[in-house]
Amino acid sequence: EVGELAVGLDENDAFVIFPEGGNFTPRRRVKA
């Protein structure tokens, strides 16, 4: 899905992604 969304970017496009997938919390850090 992400790859399809990035197809055909033109000169004024900005593809925005958050690789963490969620907000930082100590518990999420330990689980990750």
All heavy atoms as atom14 arrays in JSON, in Angstrom:
{
  "sequence": "EVGELAVGLDENDAFVIFPEGGNFTPRRRVKA",
  "atom14_mask": [
    [1, 1, 1, 1, 1, 1, 1, 1, 1, 0, 0, 0, 0, 0],
    [1, 1, 1, 1, 1, 1, 1, 0, 0, 0, 0, 0, 0, 0],
    [1, 1, 1, 1, 0, 0, 0, 0, 0, 0, 0, 0, 0, 0],
    [1, 1, 1, 1, 1, 1, 1, 1, 1, 0, 0, 0, 0, 0],
    [1, 1, 1, 1, 1, 1, 1, 1, 0, 0, 0, 0, 0, 0],
    [1, 1, 1, 1, 1, 0, 0, 0, 0, 0, 0, 0, 0, 0],
    [1, 1, 1, 1, 1, 1, 1, 0, 0, 0, 0, 0, 0, 0],
    [1, 1, 1, 1, 0, 0, 0, 0, 0, 0, 0, 0, 0, 0],
    [1, 1, 1, 1, 1, 1, 1, 1, 0, 0, 0, 0, 0, 0],
    [1, 1, 1, 1, 1, 1, 1, 1, 0, 0, 0, 0, 0, 0],
    [1, 1, 1, 1, 1, 1, 1, 1, 1, 0, 0, 0, 0, 0],
    [1, 1, 1, 1, 1, 1, 1, 1, 0, 0, 0, 0, 0, 0],
    [1, 1, 1, 1, 1, 1, 1, 1, 0, 0, 0, 0, 0, 0],
    [1, 1, 1, 1, 1, 0, 0, 0, 0, 0, 0, 0, 0, 0],
    [1, 1, 1, 1, 1, 1, 1, 1, 1, 1, 1, 0, 0, 0],
    [1, 1, 1, 1, 1, 1, 1, 0, 0, 0, 0, 0, 0, 0],
    [1, 1, 1, 1, 1, 1, 1, 1, 0, 0, 0, 0, 0, 0],
    [1, 1, 1, 1, 1, 1, 1, 1, 1, 1, 1, 0, 0, 0],
    [1, 1, 1, 1, 1, 1, 1, 0, 0, 0, 0, 0, 0, 0],
    [1, 1, 1, 1, 1, 1, 1, 1, 1, 0, 0, 0, 0, 0],
    [1, 1, 1, 1, 0, 0, 0, 0, 0, 0, 0, 0, 0, 0],
    [1, 1, 1, 1, 0, 0, 0, 0, 0, 0, 0, 0, 0, 0],
    [1, 1, 1, 1, 1, 1, 1, 1, 0, 0, 0, 0, 0, 0],
    [1, 1, 1, 1, 1, 1, 1, 1, 1, 1, 1, 0, 0, 0],
    [1, 1, 1, 1, 1, 1, 1, 0, 0, 0, 0, 0, 0, 0],
    [1, 1, 1, 1, 1, 1, 1, 0, 0, 0, 0, 0, 0, 0],
    [1, 1, 1, 1, 1, 1, 1, 1, 1, 1, 1, 0, 0, 0],
    [1, 1, 1, 1, 1, 1, 1, 1, 1, 1, 1, 0, 0, 0],
    [1, 1, 1, 1, 1, 1, 1, 1, 1, 1, 1, 0, 0, 0],
    [1, 1, 1, 1, 1, 1, 1, 0, 0, 0, 0, 0, 0, 0],
    [1, 1, 1, 1, 1, 1, 1, 1, 1, 0, 0, 0, 0, 0],
    [1, 1, 1, 1, 1, 0, 0, 0, 0, 0, 0, 0, 0, 0]
  ],
  "atom14_positions": [
    [[0.82, -1.21, 0.0], [0.0, 0.0, 0.0], [0.86, 1.25, 0.0], [0.57, 2.23, -0.7], [-0.93, 0.0, 1.22], [-2.03, -1.05, 1.15], [-3.13, -0.77, 2.16], [-3.43, 0.4, 2.38], [-3.66, -1.73, 2.72], [0.0, 0.0, 0.0], [0.0, 0.0, 0.0], [0.0, 0.0, 0.0], [0.0, 0.0, 0.0], [0.0, 0.0, 0.0]],
    [[1.92, 1.25, 0.8], [2.81, 2.41, 0.86], [3.51, 2.61, -0.47], [3.62, 3.73, -0.98], [3.84, 2.24, 2.0], [4.91, 3.32, 1.91], [3.15, 2.29, 3.35], [0.0, 0.0, 0.0], [0.0, 0.0, 0.0], [0.0, 0.0, 0.0], [0.0, 0.0, 0.0], [0.0, 0.0, 0.0], [0.0, 0.0, 0.0], [0.0, 0.0, 0.0]],
    [[3.97, 1.51, -1.07], [4.63, 1.62, -2.37], [3.72, 2.19, -3.43], [4.13, 3.04, -4.23], [0.0, 0.0, 0.0], [0.0, 0.0, 0.0], [0.0, 0.0, 0.0], [0.0, 0.0, 0.0], [0.0, 0.0, 0.0], [0.0, 0.0, 0.0], [0.0, 0.0, 0.0], [0.0, 0.0, 0.0], [0.0, 0.0, 0.0], [0.0, 0.0, 0.0]],
    [[2.46, 1.75, -3.46], [1.5, 2.28, -4.44], [1.27, 3.78, -4.25], [1.13, 4.51, -5.22], [0.18, 1.53, -4.33], [0.23, 0.1, -4.87], [-1.11, -0.59, -4.77], [-2.07, 0.04, -4.26], [-1.22, -1.77, -5.17], [0.0, 0.0, 0.0], [0.0, 0.0, 0.0], [0.0, 0.0, 0.0], [0.0, 0.0, 0.0], [0.0, 0.0, 0.0]],
    [[1.23, 4.2, -2.99], [1.0, 5.62, -2.71], [2.16, 6.48, -3.2], [1.96, 7.64, -3.56], [0.79, 5.83, -1.21], [0.46, 7.24, -0.74], [-0.85, 7.74, -1.35], [0.39, 7.31, 0.79], [0.0, 0.0, 0.0], [0.0, 0.0, 0.0], [0.0, 0.0, 0.0], [0.0, 0.0, 0.0], [0.0, 0.0, 0.0], [0.0, 0.0, 0.0]],
    [[3.37, 5.92, -3.21], [4.55, 6.7, -3.59], [4.8, 6.72, -5.09], [5.68, 7.45, -5.55], [5.77, 6.14, -2.87], [0.0, 0.0, 0.0], [0.0, 0.0, 0.0], [0.0, 0.0, 0.0], [0.0, 0.0, 0.0], [0.0, 0.0, 0.0], [0.0, 0.0, 0.0], [0.0, 0.0, 0.0], [0.0, 0.0, 0.0], [0.0, 0.0, 0.0]],
    [[4.05, 5.96, -5.85], [4.24, 5.93, -7.3], [3.8, 7.26, -7.91], [2.75, 7.81, -7.57], [3.44, 4.77, -7.94], [3.46, 4.87, -9.46], [4.02, 3.44, -7.49], [0.0, 0.0, 0.0], [0.0, 0.0, 0.0], [0.0, 0.0, 0.0], [0.0, 0.0, 0.0], [0.0, 0.0, 0.0], [0.0, 0.0, 0.0], [0.0, 0.0, 0.0]],
    [[4.62, 7.79, -8.83], [4.22, 8.98, -9.58], [4.39, 10.29, -8.85], [3.71, 11.27, -9.19], [0.0, 0.0, 0.0], [0.0, 0.0, 0.0], [0.0, 0.0, 0.0], [0.0, 0.0, 0.0], [0.0, 0.0, 0.0], [0.0, 0.0, 0.0], [0.0, 0.0, 0.0], [0.0, 0.0, 0.0], [0.0, 0.0, 0.0], [0.0, 0.0, 0.0]],
    [[5.27, 10.36, -7.85], [5.52, 11.64, -7.18], [6.05, 12.66, -8.18], [6.95, 12.36, -8.98], [6.55, 11.46, -6.05], [6.17, 10.58, -4.86], [7.32, 10.52, -3.87], [4.91, 11.09, -4.18], [0.0, 0.0, 0.0], [0.0, 0.0, 0.0], [0.0, 0.0, 0.0], [0.0, 0.0, 0.0], [0.0, 0.0, 0.0], [0.0, 0.0, 0.0]],
    [[5.5, 13.89, -8.15], [6.0, 14.92, -9.05], [6.8, 15.96, -8.28], [7.08, 15.8, -7.1], [4.86, 15.54, -9.87], [3.82, 16.23, -8.99], [4.16, 16.68, -7.89], [2.65, 16.31, -9.42], [0.0, 0.0, 0.0], [0.0, 0.0, 0.0], [0.0, 0.0, 0.0], [0.0, 0.0, 0.0], [0.0, 0.0, 0.0], [0.0, 0.0, 0.0]],
    [[7.12, 17.06, -8.96], [8.11, 18.0, -8.43], [7.67, 18.72, -7.16], [8.52, 19.2, -6.4], [8.48, 19.03, -9.5], [7.37, 20.03, -9.88], [6.38, 19.43, -10.88], [6.61, 18.3, -11.33], [5.38, 20.11, -11.21], [0.0, 0.0, 0.0], [0.0, 0.0, 0.0], [0.0, 0.0, 0.0], [0.0, 0.0, 0.0], [0.0, 0.0, 0.0]],
    [[6.38, 18.82, -6.89], [5.95, 19.52, -5.67], [5.31, 18.59, -4.65], [4.66, 19.04, -3.71], [4.99, 20.68, -6.01], [3.64, 20.18, -6.5], [3.55, 19.07, -7.02], [2.62, 21.0, -6.35], [0.0, 0.0, 0.0], [0.0, 0.0, 0.0], [0.0, 0.0, 0.0], [0.0, 0.0, 0.0], [0.0, 0.0, 0.0], [0.0, 0.0, 0.0]],
    [[5.5, 17.29, -4.82], [4.95, 16.32, -3.87], [5.91, 16.07, -2.71], [7.13, 16.19, -2.86], [4.66, 14.98, -4.57], [3.39, 15.02, -5.4], [2.52, 15.84, -5.09], [3.29, 14.25, -6.37], [0.0, 0.0, 0.0], [0.0, 0.0, 0.0], [0.0, 0.0, 0.0], [0.0, 0.0, 0.0], [0.0, 0.0, 0.0], [0.0, 0.0, 0.0]],
    [[5.34, 15.71, -1.58], [6.12, 15.3, -0.41], [5.43, 14.08, 0.19], [4.3, 14.19, 0.67], [6.21, 16.43, 0.62], [0.0, 0.0, 0.0], [0.0, 0.0, 0.0], [0.0, 0.0, 0.0], [0.0, 0.0, 0.0], [0.0, 0.0, 0.0], [0.0, 0.0, 0.0], [0.0, 0.0, 0.0], [0.0, 0.0, 0.0], [0.0, 0.0, 0.0]],
    [[6.09, 12.96, 0.14], [5.55, 11.72, 0.69], [5.95, 11.66, 2.16], [7.14, 11.68, 2.49], [6.13, 10.52, -0.07], [5.58, 9.2, 0.36], [4.5, 8.64, -0.29], [6.12, 8.52, 1.44], [3.99, 7.41, 0.11], [5.62, 7.31, 1.85], [4.56, 6.74, 1.18], [0.0, 0.0, 0.0], [0.0, 0.0, 0.0], [0.0, 0.0, 0.0]],
    [[4.97, 11.6, 3.06], [5.22, 11.71, 4.5], [4.98, 10.38, 5.18], [3.89, 9.79, 5.03], [4.32, 12.79, 5.14], [4.64, 12.93, 6.63], [4.52, 14.13, 4.44], [0.0, 0.0, 0.0], [0.0, 0.0, 0.0], [0.0, 0.0, 0.0], [0.0, 0.0, 0.0], [0.0, 0.0, 0.0], [0.0, 0.0, 0.0], [0.0, 0.0, 0.0]],
    [[5.97, 9.91, 5.93], [5.85, 8.63, 6.62], [6.48, 8.73, 8.0], [7.46, 9.45, 8.2], [6.49, 7.49, 5.78], [6.15, 6.13, 6.38], [7.99, 7.7, 5.61], [6.49, 4.96, 5.46], [0.0, 0.0, 0.0], [0.0, 0.0, 0.0], [0.0, 0.0, 0.0], [0.0, 0.0, 0.0], [0.0, 0.0, 0.0], [0.0, 0.0, 0.0]],
    [[5.9, 8.01, 8.96], [6.38, 7.98, 10.35], [6.81, 6.54, 10.66], [5.97, 5.7, 11.03], [5.28, 8.43, 11.31], [4.73, 9.81, 11.0], [3.66, 9.96, 10.12], [5.28, 10.94, 11.59], [3.16, 11.22, 9.83], [4.78, 12.2, 11.3], [3.72, 12.34, 10.42], [0.0, 0.0, 0.0], [0.0, 0.0, 0.0], [0.0, 0.0, 0.0]],
    [[8.1, 6.21, 10.51], [8.53, 4.8, 10.6], [8.34, 4.15, 11.97], [8.36, 2.92, 12.06], [10.03, 4.88, 10.25], [10.2, 6.17, 9.54], [9.2, 7.09, 10.13], [0.0, 0.0, 0.0], [0.0, 0.0, 0.0], [0.0, 0.0, 0.0], [0.0, 0.0, 0.0], [0.0, 0.0, 0.0], [0.0, 0.0, 0.0], [0.0, 0.0, 0.0]],
    [[8.18, 4.95, 13.03], [7.97, 4.34, 14.34], [6.6, 3.66, 14.44], [6.42, 2.72, 15.22], [8.08, 5.4, 15.44], [9.48, 5.95, 15.62], [9.48, 7.19, 16.48], [9.0, 8.23, 15.98], [9.94, 7.12, 17.63], [0.0, 0.0, 0.0], [0.0, 0.0, 0.0], [0.0, 0.0, 0.0], [0.0, 0.0, 0.0], [0.0, 0.0, 0.0]],
    [[5.62, 4.18, 13.71], [4.29, 3.59, 13.72], [3.44, 3.98, 14.9], [2.3, 3.53, 15.02], [0.0, 0.0, 0.0], [0.0, 0.0, 0.0], [0.0, 0.0, 0.0], [0.0, 0.0, 0.0], [0.0, 0.0, 0.0], [0.0, 0.0, 0.0], [0.0, 0.0, 0.0], [0.0, 0.0, 0.0], [0.0, 0.0, 0.0], [0.0, 0.0, 0.0]],
    [[3.94, 4.81, 15.79], [3.18, 5.24, 16.96], [4.01, 6.14, 17.84], [5.21, 6.35, 17.62], [0.0, 0.0, 0.0], [0.0, 0.0, 0.0], [0.0, 0.0, 0.0], [0.0, 0.0, 0.0], [0.0, 0.0, 0.0], [0.0, 0.0, 0.0], [0.0, 0.0, 0.0], [0.0, 0.0, 0.0], [0.0, 0.0, 0.0], [0.0, 0.0, 0.0]],
    [[3.37, 6.68, 18.86], [4.06, 7.58, 19.79], [5.01, 6.8, 20.7], [4.75, 5.66, 21.06], [3.05, 8.33, 20.66], [2.1, 9.15, 19.83], [2.48, 9.78, 18.85], [0.83, 9.14, 20.21], [0.0, 0.0, 0.0], [0.0, 0.0, 0.0], [0.0, 0.0, 0.0], [0.0, 0.0, 0.0], [0.0, 0.0, 0.0], [0.0, 0.0, 0.0]],
    [[6.07, 7.46, 21.09], [7.03, 6.84, 22.01], [6.45, 6.77, 23.42], [5.91, 7.74, 23.94], [8.32, 7.67, 22.05], [9.31, 7.18, 23.08], [10.27, 6.26, 22.72], [9.27, 7.64, 24.39], [11.18, 5.8, 23.66], [10.17, 7.19, 25.34], [11.13, 6.26, 24.97], [0.0, 0.0, 0.0], [0.0, 0.0, 0.0], [0.0, 0.0, 0.0]],
    [[6.55, 5.59, 24.02], [6.33, 5.41, 25.45], [7.36, 4.38, 25.91], [7.81, 3.54, 25.11], [4.92, 4.88, 25.79], [4.78, 3.55, 25.27], [3.83, 5.78, 25.23], [0.0, 0.0, 0.0], [0.0, 0.0, 0.0], [0.0, 0.0, 0.0], [0.0, 0.0, 0.0], [0.0, 0.0, 0.0], [0.0, 0.0, 0.0], [0.0, 0.0, 0.0]],
    [[7.79, 4.42, 27.17], [8.76, 3.42, 27.64], [8.28, 1.99, 27.42], [9.07, 1.1, 27.05], [8.9, 3.75, 29.13], [8.58, 5.21, 29.22], [7.51, 5.44, 28.2], [0.0, 0.0, 0.0], [0.0, 0.0, 0.0], [0.0, 0.0, 0.0], [0.0, 0.0, 0.0], [0.0, 0.0, 0.0], [0.0, 0.0, 0.0], [0.0, 0.0, 0.0]],
    [[6.98, 1.76, 27.62], [6.46, 0.4, 27.44], [6.55, -0.04, 25.98], [6.95, -1.18, 25.7], [5.0, 0.35, 27.92], [4.38, -1.03, 27.8], [2.92, -1.0, 28.26], [2.3, -2.3, 28.09], [1.01, -2.54, 28.31], [0.22, -1.56, 28.71], [0.51, -3.75, 28.13], [0.0, 0.0, 0.0], [0.0, 0.0, 0.0], [0.0, 0.0, 0.0]],
    [[6.19, 0.83, 25.06], [6.28, 0.48, 23.64], [7.73, 0.25, 23.23], [8.02, -0.61, 22.4], [5.67, 1.59, 22.79], [4.15, 1.62, 22.82], [3.61, 2.75, 21.98], [2.15, 2.73, 21.95], [1.42, 3.69, 21.41], [2.01, 4.74, 20.85], [0.09, 3.61, 21.43], [0.0, 0.0, 0.0], [0.0, 0.0, 0.0], [0.0, 0.0, 0.0]],
    [[8.64, 1.02, 23.81], [10.06, 0.84, 23.5], [10.52, -0.56, 23.9], [11.18, -1.26, 23.12], [10.88, 1.91, 24.22], [12.38, 1.73, 24.1], [13.11, 2.85, 24.84], [14.54, 2.63, 24.83], [15.19, 1.92, 25.75], [14.52, 1.35, 26.75], [16.5, 1.76, 25.68], [0.0, 0.0, 0.0], [0.0, 0.0, 0.0], [0.0, 0.0, 0.0]],
    [[10.17, -0.97, 25.12], [10.57, -2.29, 25.61], [9.96, -3.39, 24.73], [10.64, -4.35, 24.34], [10.15, -2.47, 27.08], [10.34, -3.92, 27.52], [10.95, -1.54, 27.98], [0.0, 0.0, 0.0], [0.0, 0.0, 0.0], [0.0, 0.0, 0.0], [0.0, 0.0, 0.0], [0.0, 0.0, 0.0], [0.0, 0.0, 0.0], [0.0, 0.0, 0.0]],
    [[8.69, -3.25, 24.39], [8.02, -4.26, 23.56], [8.65, -4.34, 22.17], [8.8, -5.44, 21.61], [6.53, -3.94, 23.44], [5.74, -4.17, 24.73], [4.26, -3.86, 24.54], [3.62, -4.84, 23.58], [2.15, -4.62, 23.46], [0.0, 0.0, 0.0], [0.0, 0.0, 0.0], [0.0, 0.0, 0.0], [0.0, 0.0, 0.0], [0.0, 0.0, 0.0]],
    [[9.0, -3.17, 21.62], [9.61, -3.17, 20.29], [10.97, -3.85, 20.31], [11.32, -4.6, 19.37], [9.75, -1.73, 19.79], [0.0, 0.0, 0.0], [0.0, 0.0, 0.0], [0.0, 0.0, 0.0], [0.0, 0.0, 0.0], [0.0, 0.0, 0.0], [0.0, 0.0, 0.0], [0.0, 0.0, 0.0], [0.0, 0.0, 0.0], [0.0, 0.0, 0.0]]
  ]
}
